[in-house]
Amino acid sequence: MNYFLEGHKRKNTGTYKWDGQKNPNALPFWVADSDYETAPEIVKAFIQRSEQGHFGYQMLQDDYYQAIIGWHQKRYETKIAKEWIIPIPGVVASIKQALELWTNPGDKVLIQTPVYFQFQRVVTLSKRILVENKLRIENNRYEMDFEDLEEKFKNGVKMMVLCSPHNPVGRVWQKEELEQVLTLCQKYQVLLISDEIHGDIIMPKYRFVSMNSLTKEEHLVMVSTAPSKTFNLAGLKSAYVIIKNPQLRNKYQEHLTSAFLPGLNVYGILGTQTAYTKGEKWVIAQNKHLWTNYNYLRKKLSKDLPQAQVASLEGTYLAWINLTYLNRTSQELVNCLSQEGITVNDGSTFGADYQGFIRFNLACSFRQLGQGIDILIKAIKKIEKAPNQ
C-alpha cells in the first residue's frame, strides 16, 4: 500500500488538524502534521510493545542515544556525543526553558519573520522583548538581512531563535549563511537556539546543514529537534536538545530537573529509536512525494492563478503563498477558504507584515492535495470577482 497516494482517514479520531477546524467538513491544510500513516516499521514496533501489556515508568537506555547519534552521523554527517543529548517533551518547551534560564524579563530576543508563530508567543508570554530581523525576498526566495541582524545585535539582543529549515518560507539555510549567523552571535555573545525540527524534510538538490556541524564547545549554541515532523509523531511528545558547551549543558540539565518536567513516555522513546534506526527509506520516499506535491501546486497556481506567488521550497512540507494582489487580509482569506471547504493558516500570524499570505500544508495524499487545490483555485477566483469592500 502506498500511504502517500491513498492517505489515511483521520476525521473523528480526535486529531486537532481534522476535528479542531472551524468548518468540520473542510479539508485541512493547516496544522503541521501529515495525513498519511507513519513508517510501517514504527507501527509494527508500537503493536509489539503494546502486546507486552505493561506501561510503567520507562528509563532511557543506551539504544535511545545511539539511535540519535547514528541518525545525525548518517543523515547530517555530524558527530555528536551521548552526553550532549538532553531529552525533553517538545521543541517549543525547550525554547521556553532556555528563555527562563538564560534571559530575564525585559531582555531582547530575536526571531526572523515571517516565522512559526509559537516563537513570537513563547517570547512575549515570557515577558521578553521581541526583536524582528525580517527576511528579505529576492526572486521568490527568502534571504537573511545580515546588516540588519548585526544592528539588532549591537542594540543588546541576548538570544536568537533560528528556524532551520525555515517555517513557513521553506528555506534550507546554506553553510555560509549559518556560519555568518554563528560569527555574529559569537561577536556579540548572543546565545543561539537552533530549531531543526524540519531537518529531514529536504527537497531534491538541497542539503541540510545542522548547526552542530559548525559549532565548537565554546560556542553559545543549543540545537533543538525531534522526529515528530518527519515521521508524524507529534502526539508522542518526544524531542531532545543537543548542547556541546559543557557549562551551558550542565546548567540546562539542572534547570530542567528543578522544573519537574515530565520524562519521555514509552512510545515517544520507542518511536524515536525505531524512526532513527529503521525509517530512512520511508523518509526518502516521503520527500519525493512532497516534492511532487509542491510542483503540482506550483504549476496549477501558475496556470490558474498567475498572480499568486508560491515561495521556492527547499525544505519542510509547507508552501508559503502570497495572495496580496487580492487586497484582502489573511483572516478574510482564511474565512473565505474555510467556507468553501479548506482550512489553511493565516499568514499574518507568522508576522504582522504578512497580511494577504497563507500557509498551505503539502503533507497529504496526492488525491487530497488535488481536491484542496481545486477548492483553493475556485475560492480565489470567486474573491477576484467580488468587490473589495
Protein backbone atom coordinates (compact mmCIF):
# COMPACT_ATOMS: atom_id res chain seq x y z
CA MET A 1 0.00 0.00 0.00
CA ASN A 2 1.28 3.45 -0.92
CA TYR A 3 0.30 5.64 2.02
CA PHE A 4 1.47 8.78 0.25
CA LEU A 5 -1.00 8.27 -2.60
CA GLU A 6 -4.01 6.99 -0.65
CA GLY A 7 -3.68 8.94 2.57
CA HIS A 8 -5.25 7.98 5.89
CA LYS A 9 -8.66 8.57 7.47
CA ARG A 10 -8.17 10.87 10.46
CA LYS A 11 -11.55 12.57 10.78
CA ASN A 12 -13.45 11.84 14.02
CA THR A 13 -10.33 10.45 15.69
CA GLY A 14 -9.80 13.46 17.96
CA THR A 15 -6.93 14.76 15.89
CA TYR A 16 -6.64 18.54 16.17
CA LYS A 17 -5.95 19.08 12.48
CA TRP A 18 -9.21 17.48 11.35
CA ASP A 19 -11.56 17.77 14.30
CA GLY A 20 -10.46 21.22 15.50
CA GLN A 21 -11.44 23.10 12.35
CA LYS A 22 -13.96 25.95 12.25
CA ASN A 23 -15.66 24.14 9.36
CA PRO A 24 -15.79 20.46 10.39
CA ASN A 25 -16.40 19.38 6.80
CA ALA A 26 -13.40 21.18 5.32
CA LEU A 27 -10.20 19.52 4.10
CA PRO A 28 -7.38 20.60 6.43
CA PHE A 29 -4.12 22.07 5.13
CA TRP A 30 -3.15 23.99 8.27
CA VAL A 31 -1.68 22.16 11.29
CA ALA A 32 1.86 20.96 10.54
CA ASP A 33 1.42 17.21 10.70
CA SER A 34 0.84 14.73 7.88
CA ASP A 35 -2.26 12.94 6.61
CA TYR A 36 -0.77 9.53 5.88
CA GLU A 37 0.46 6.77 8.15
CA THR A 38 3.91 6.91 9.61
CA ALA A 39 6.59 4.41 8.61
CA PRO A 40 5.22 0.84 8.91
CA GLU A 41 8.26 -0.16 10.97
CA ILE A 42 7.14 2.29 13.68
CA VAL A 43 3.56 1.00 13.68
CA LYS A 44 4.85 -2.57 13.95
CA ALA A 45 7.12 -1.66 16.87
CA PHE A 46 4.20 0.00 18.70
CA ILE A 47 1.97 -3.04 18.23
CA GLN A 48 4.65 -5.37 19.54
CA ARG A 49 5.26 -3.11 22.54
CA SER A 50 1.51 -2.86 23.28
CA GLU A 51 1.25 -6.62 23.39
CA GLN A 52 3.60 -6.65 26.38
CA GLY A 53 0.68 -5.23 28.36
CA HIS A 54 2.60 -3.06 30.84
CA PHE A 55 3.24 0.68 30.60
CA GLY A 56 5.10 1.72 33.71
CA TYR A 57 7.91 4.24 34.05
CA GLN A 58 10.42 3.90 31.26
CA MET A 59 14.15 4.53 31.54
CA LEU A 60 16.32 5.84 28.73
CA GLN A 61 18.72 3.12 27.70
CA ASP A 62 21.77 3.35 25.51
CA ASP A 63 19.78 2.28 22.42
CA TYR A 64 17.88 5.57 22.55
CA TYR A 65 21.04 7.68 22.49
CA GLN A 66 22.79 5.53 19.90
CA ALA A 67 19.80 5.86 17.57
CA ILE A 68 20.08 9.66 17.72
CA ILE A 69 23.86 9.59 17.31
CA GLY A 70 23.63 7.25 14.33
CA TRP A 71 20.92 9.31 12.62
CA HIS A 72 22.89 12.55 12.92
CA GLN A 73 26.01 10.85 11.62
CA LYS A 74 24.28 9.26 8.63
CA ARG A 75 21.82 11.99 7.69
CA TYR A 76 23.78 15.16 8.57
CA GLU A 77 27.37 13.88 8.57
CA THR A 78 27.64 15.27 12.10
CA LYS A 79 29.27 13.57 15.07
CA ILE A 80 27.58 14.13 18.41
CA ALA A 81 28.33 12.63 21.82
CA LYS A 82 25.86 10.87 24.08
CA GLU A 83 26.39 13.33 26.92
CA TRP A 84 25.38 16.27 24.70
CA ILE A 85 21.84 14.91 24.30
CA ILE A 86 19.11 16.04 26.70
CA PRO A 87 15.57 14.63 26.16
CA ILE A 88 12.61 16.99 26.57
CA PRO A 89 8.89 16.68 25.70
CA GLY A 90 8.86 19.32 22.95
CA VAL A 91 10.90 21.81 20.93
CA VAL A 92 8.89 24.88 21.97
CA ALA A 93 9.10 23.70 25.58
CA SER A 94 12.89 23.53 25.19
CA ILE A 95 12.95 27.14 23.96
CA LYS A 96 10.76 28.23 26.87
CA GLN A 97 13.15 26.61 29.34
CA ALA A 98 16.13 28.27 27.64
CA LEU A 99 14.44 31.67 27.90
CA GLU A 100 13.80 31.19 31.60
CA LEU A 101 17.34 30.04 32.27
CA TRP A 102 19.46 32.40 30.19
CA THR A 103 17.39 35.60 29.88
CA ASN A 104 15.44 37.86 32.21
CA PRO A 105 12.13 39.68 31.79
CA GLY A 106 12.77 42.74 29.63
CA ASP A 107 15.68 41.15 27.74
CA LYS A 108 15.64 41.27 23.94
CA VAL A 109 15.11 38.04 21.99
CA LEU A 110 15.41 38.00 18.19
CA ILE A 111 13.45 35.99 15.64
CA GLN A 112 13.43 36.12 11.83
CA THR A 113 9.97 36.89 10.49
CA PRO A 114 7.89 35.54 8.90
CA VAL A 115 8.36 32.61 11.23
CA TYR A 116 6.50 29.93 13.18
CA PHE A 117 4.02 31.83 15.35
CA GLN A 118 4.88 29.95 18.55
CA PHE A 119 8.28 31.68 18.53
CA GLN A 120 6.55 35.02 18.98
CA ARG A 121 4.20 33.66 21.64
CA VAL A 122 6.85 31.99 23.76
CA VAL A 123 8.96 35.18 23.79
CA THR A 124 6.17 37.62 24.58
CA LEU A 125 4.43 35.37 27.12
CA SER A 126 7.80 35.09 28.88
CA LYS A 127 7.78 38.91 29.17
CA ARG A 128 10.85 39.27 26.97
CA ILE A 129 11.09 41.97 24.29
CA LEU A 130 10.53 40.60 20.80
CA VAL A 131 13.01 41.83 18.18
CA GLU A 132 12.41 41.07 14.50
CA ASN A 133 15.12 40.55 11.90
CA LYS A 134 12.86 40.46 8.85
CA LEU A 135 13.79 38.16 6.00
CA ARG A 136 14.17 39.71 2.55
CA ILE A 137 12.72 38.16 -0.57
CA GLU A 138 14.75 38.02 -3.78
CA ASN A 139 13.38 36.26 -6.87
CA ASN A 140 10.71 34.48 -4.82
CA ARG A 141 13.35 33.17 -2.37
CA TYR A 142 13.84 34.47 1.15
CA GLU A 143 17.26 35.54 2.43
CA MET A 144 18.68 36.80 5.71
CA ASP A 145 19.38 40.50 6.16
CA PHE A 146 22.75 40.30 7.87
CA GLU A 147 23.28 44.05 8.04
CA ASP A 148 20.05 44.45 9.98
CA LEU A 149 20.87 41.38 12.08
CA GLU A 150 24.14 42.91 13.24
CA GLU A 151 22.45 46.23 14.02
CA LYS A 152 19.92 44.43 16.18
CA PHE A 153 22.71 42.54 17.95
CA LYS A 154 24.52 45.82 18.64
CA ASN A 155 21.42 47.06 20.42
CA GLY A 156 21.55 44.44 23.12
CA VAL A 157 19.90 41.22 21.90
CA LYS A 158 20.51 38.41 24.42
CA MET A 159 19.18 35.43 22.49
CA MET A 160 18.34 34.48 18.90
CA VAL A 161 15.90 31.73 17.92
CA LEU A 162 16.75 30.38 14.46
CA CYS A 163 14.34 28.28 12.41
CA SER A 164 16.41 25.89 10.29
CA PRO A 165 14.95 24.79 7.90
CA HIS A 166 12.65 27.77 7.96
CA ASN A 167 8.91 27.52 8.61
CA PRO A 168 6.99 28.92 6.72
CA VAL A 169 9.20 30.22 3.87
CA GLY A 170 10.82 26.86 3.08
CA ARG A 171 14.46 27.91 3.11
CA VAL A 172 17.24 25.43 3.84
CA TRP A 173 19.99 27.72 5.05
CA GLN A 174 23.35 27.19 3.37
CA LYS A 175 26.55 26.57 5.29
CA GLU A 176 27.85 30.08 4.54
CA GLU A 177 24.67 31.69 5.88
CA LEU A 178 24.78 29.67 9.08
CA GLU A 179 28.47 30.44 9.58
CA GLN A 180 27.69 34.13 9.29
CA VAL A 181 24.95 33.83 11.91
CA LEU A 182 27.31 31.93 14.21
CA THR A 183 30.08 34.51 13.75
CA LEU A 184 27.77 37.38 14.65
CA CYS A 185 26.41 35.51 17.67
CA GLN A 186 29.93 34.93 18.93
CA LYS A 187 30.96 38.53 18.26
CA TYR A 188 28.08 39.93 20.33
CA GLN A 189 27.78 37.00 22.78
CA VAL A 190 24.23 36.23 21.70
CA LEU A 191 23.00 32.79 22.76
CA LEU A 192 21.70 30.92 19.71
CA ILE A 193 18.83 28.42 19.78
CA SER A 194 18.55 26.48 16.51
CA ASP A 195 15.18 24.78 15.93
CA GLU A 196 15.95 21.99 13.45
CA ILE A 197 12.71 20.01 13.66
CA HIS A 198 12.23 20.08 9.85
CA GLY A 199 15.81 19.00 9.18
CA ASP A 200 14.92 15.72 7.46
CA ILE A 201 12.27 17.15 5.13
CA ILE A 202 14.59 18.35 2.38
CA MET A 203 13.78 18.71 -1.29
CA PRO A 204 15.99 17.39 -4.15
CA LYS A 205 19.28 19.22 -4.80
CA TYR A 206 19.33 20.78 -1.32
CA ARG A 207 21.35 19.73 1.69
CA PHE A 208 20.51 20.38 5.31
CA VAL A 209 23.39 21.66 7.45
CA SER A 210 22.92 21.23 11.18
CA MET A 211 24.34 23.94 13.37
CA ASN A 212 26.00 21.10 15.31
CA SER A 213 28.34 20.56 12.36
CA LEU A 214 29.67 24.13 12.66
CA THR A 215 29.95 24.70 16.39
CA LYS A 216 32.71 24.14 18.91
CA GLU A 217 32.42 23.62 22.66
CA GLU A 218 32.95 27.32 23.40
CA HIS A 219 30.01 28.39 21.24
CA LEU A 220 26.84 29.54 22.98
CA VAL A 221 24.52 27.28 20.98
CA MET A 222 21.67 24.88 21.68
CA VAL A 223 20.12 22.76 18.93
CA SER A 224 16.56 21.56 19.50
CA THR A 225 14.91 18.94 17.32
CA ALA A 226 12.66 15.86 17.19
CA PRO A 227 11.48 13.12 14.82
CA SER A 228 7.91 14.41 15.14
CA LYS A 229 7.53 16.41 11.91
CA THR A 230 9.38 13.91 9.75
CA PHE A 231 7.54 10.82 10.99
CA ASN A 232 4.22 12.38 12.13
CA LEU A 233 4.86 11.58 15.80
CA ALA A 234 3.98 14.96 17.35
CA GLY A 235 1.37 13.42 19.66
CA LEU A 236 4.08 11.38 21.40
CA LYS A 237 5.75 14.49 22.87
CA SER A 238 9.32 13.34 22.32
CA ALA A 239 12.10 15.80 21.48
CA TYR A 240 15.69 16.45 22.52
CA VAL A 241 18.28 19.20 22.64
CA ILE A 242 21.98 18.97 21.86
CA ILE A 243 24.40 21.23 23.72
CA LYS A 244 28.15 20.90 23.18
CA ASN A 245 29.19 23.61 25.65
CA PRO A 246 29.58 21.77 28.99
CA GLN A 247 28.79 24.82 31.14
CA LEU A 248 25.59 25.56 29.23
CA ARG A 249 24.64 21.90 29.18
CA ASN A 250 25.07 21.37 32.91
CA LYS A 251 23.07 24.48 33.75
CA TYR A 252 20.30 23.50 31.35
CA GLN A 253 20.08 19.99 32.76
CA GLU A 254 19.93 21.37 36.31
CA HIS A 255 17.20 23.80 35.27
CA LEU A 256 15.10 21.03 33.71
CA THR A 257 15.48 18.95 36.86
CA SER A 258 14.24 21.81 39.02
CA ALA A 259 11.34 22.49 36.63
CA PHE A 260 9.96 18.94 37.17
CA LEU A 261 9.15 18.48 33.50
CA PRO A 262 7.72 15.04 32.69
CA GLY A 263 10.05 12.46 31.22
CA LEU A 264 9.52 10.91 27.80
CA ASN A 265 6.74 8.34 27.54
CA VAL A 266 7.10 4.72 26.46
CA TYR A 267 6.04 5.34 22.87
CA GLY A 268 7.97 8.57 22.50
CA ILE A 269 11.17 6.71 23.31
CA LEU A 270 10.34 3.72 21.12
CA GLY A 271 9.16 5.95 18.26
CA THR A 272 12.42 7.90 18.25
CA GLN A 273 14.55 4.75 18.32
CA THR A 274 12.60 3.00 15.58
CA ALA A 275 12.35 6.06 13.33
CA TYR A 276 16.07 6.71 13.52
CA THR A 277 17.15 3.08 13.03
CA LYS A 278 14.57 1.80 10.53
CA GLY A 279 12.89 4.82 8.93
CA GLU A 280 15.36 6.25 6.43
CA LYS A 281 13.89 4.62 3.30
CA TRP A 282 10.46 5.88 4.29
CA VAL A 283 11.82 9.43 4.71
CA ILE A 284 13.41 9.35 1.26
CA ALA A 285 10.10 8.18 -0.27
CA GLN A 286 8.16 10.84 1.64
CA ASN A 287 10.44 13.64 0.43
CA LYS A 288 9.97 12.54 -3.19
CA HIS A 289 6.21 12.58 -2.65
CA LEU A 290 6.31 16.06 -1.09
CA TRP A 291 8.39 17.38 -3.99
CA THR A 292 5.78 16.03 -6.40
CA ASN A 293 3.01 17.69 -4.37
CA TYR A 294 4.83 21.02 -4.30
CA ASN A 295 5.44 21.06 -8.04
CA TYR A 296 1.82 20.19 -8.73
CA LEU A 297 0.66 23.06 -6.51
CA ARG A 298 3.08 25.49 -8.12
CA LYS A 299 2.14 24.54 -11.68
CA LYS A 300 -1.60 24.62 -11.01
CA LEU A 301 -1.46 28.04 -9.41
CA SER A 302 0.85 29.35 -12.12
CA LYS A 303 -1.72 28.31 -14.72
CA ASP A 304 -4.99 29.16 -12.97
CA LEU A 305 -3.94 31.93 -10.55
CA PRO A 306 -0.96 33.57 -12.26
CA GLN A 307 -0.84 36.49 -9.83
CA ALA A 308 -0.42 34.20 -6.85
CA GLN A 309 3.21 33.71 -5.82
CA VAL A 310 4.43 30.48 -4.25
CA ALA A 311 7.78 30.76 -2.45
CA SER A 312 10.54 28.42 -3.59
CA LEU A 313 10.50 25.26 -1.48
CA GLU A 314 13.85 23.88 -0.37
CA GLY A 315 12.72 22.16 2.83
CA THR A 316 9.68 21.50 5.09
CA TYR A 317 6.31 20.42 3.69
CA LEU A 318 4.82 23.91 3.98
CA ALA A 319 4.01 26.13 1.00
CA TRP A 320 4.08 29.90 1.59
CA ILE A 321 1.65 31.61 -0.78
CA ASN A 322 1.48 35.36 -1.46
CA LEU A 323 -2.06 36.47 -2.35
CA THR A 324 -1.60 40.17 -1.60
CA TYR A 325 -2.81 41.11 -5.09
CA LEU A 326 -6.32 40.36 -3.82
CA ASN A 327 -6.04 43.24 -1.33
CA ARG A 328 -7.64 41.16 1.43
CA THR A 329 -6.43 40.45 4.94
CA SER A 330 -5.17 36.97 5.71
CA GLN A 331 -8.10 36.43 8.06
CA GLU A 332 -10.56 37.32 5.31
CA LEU A 333 -8.84 34.82 3.01
CA VAL A 334 -8.85 32.11 5.69
CA ASN A 335 -12.54 32.67 6.41
CA CYS A 336 -13.47 32.56 2.74
CA LEU A 337 -11.46 29.41 2.10
CA SER A 338 -12.97 27.75 5.17
CA GLN A 339 -16.46 28.45 3.89
CA GLU A 340 -15.52 26.97 0.51
CA GLY A 341 -14.10 23.82 2.10
CA ILE A 342 -10.39 24.04 3.00
CA THR A 343 -8.55 25.20 6.12
CA VAL A 344 -5.20 26.99 5.78
CA ASN A 345 -3.03 29.11 8.07
CA ASP A 346 -3.37 32.88 8.38
CA GLY A 347 -0.11 34.37 7.11
CA SER A 348 -0.26 37.35 9.47
CA THR A 349 0.24 35.04 12.46
CA PHE A 350 3.79 34.48 11.20
CA GLY A 351 4.49 38.22 11.15
CA ALA A 352 2.37 41.37 11.13
CA ASP A 353 3.73 42.38 7.70
CA TYR A 354 2.28 39.30 6.02
CA GLN A 355 -1.36 40.20 5.55
CA GLY A 356 -2.57 38.55 2.37
CA PHE A 357 -0.34 35.47 2.79
CA ILE A 358 -1.41 31.93 3.63
CA ARG A 359 0.48 28.77 4.60
CA PHE A 360 -0.57 25.52 2.90
CA ASN A 361 0.45 22.07 4.20
CA LEU A 362 1.58 19.66 1.46
CA ALA A 363 1.89 16.57 3.68
CA CYS A 364 -1.14 14.68 2.42
CA SER A 365 -2.07 12.20 -0.27
CA PHE A 366 -1.92 13.36 -3.87
CA ARG A 367 -5.67 12.85 -4.09
CA GLN A 368 -6.37 15.10 -1.10
CA LEU A 369 -3.94 17.68 -2.45
CA GLY A 370 -5.72 17.77 -5.81
CA GLN A 371 -9.09 18.23 -4.14
CA GLY A 372 -7.73 21.01 -1.95
CA ILE A 373 -6.07 22.87 -4.79
CA ASP A 374 -9.26 22.75 -6.85
CA ILE A 375 -11.17 24.30 -3.94
CA LEU A 376 -8.42 26.89 -3.42
CA ILE A 377 -8.48 27.98 -7.06
CA LYS A 378 -12.28 28.11 -7.17
CA ALA A 379 -12.43 30.19 -3.97
CA ILE A 380 -9.72 32.64 -5.06
CA LYS A 381 -11.40 33.15 -8.44
CA LYS A 382 -14.58 33.99 -6.57
CA ILE A 383 -12.70 36.54 -4.46
CA GLU A 384 -11.13 38.04 -7.61
CA LYS A 385 -14.59 38.74 -8.99
CA ALA A 386 -16.05 40.07 -5.72
CA PRO A 387 -15.92 43.82 -4.99
CA ASN A 388 -13.39 44.79 -2.31
CA GLN A 389 -15.38 46.48 0.43
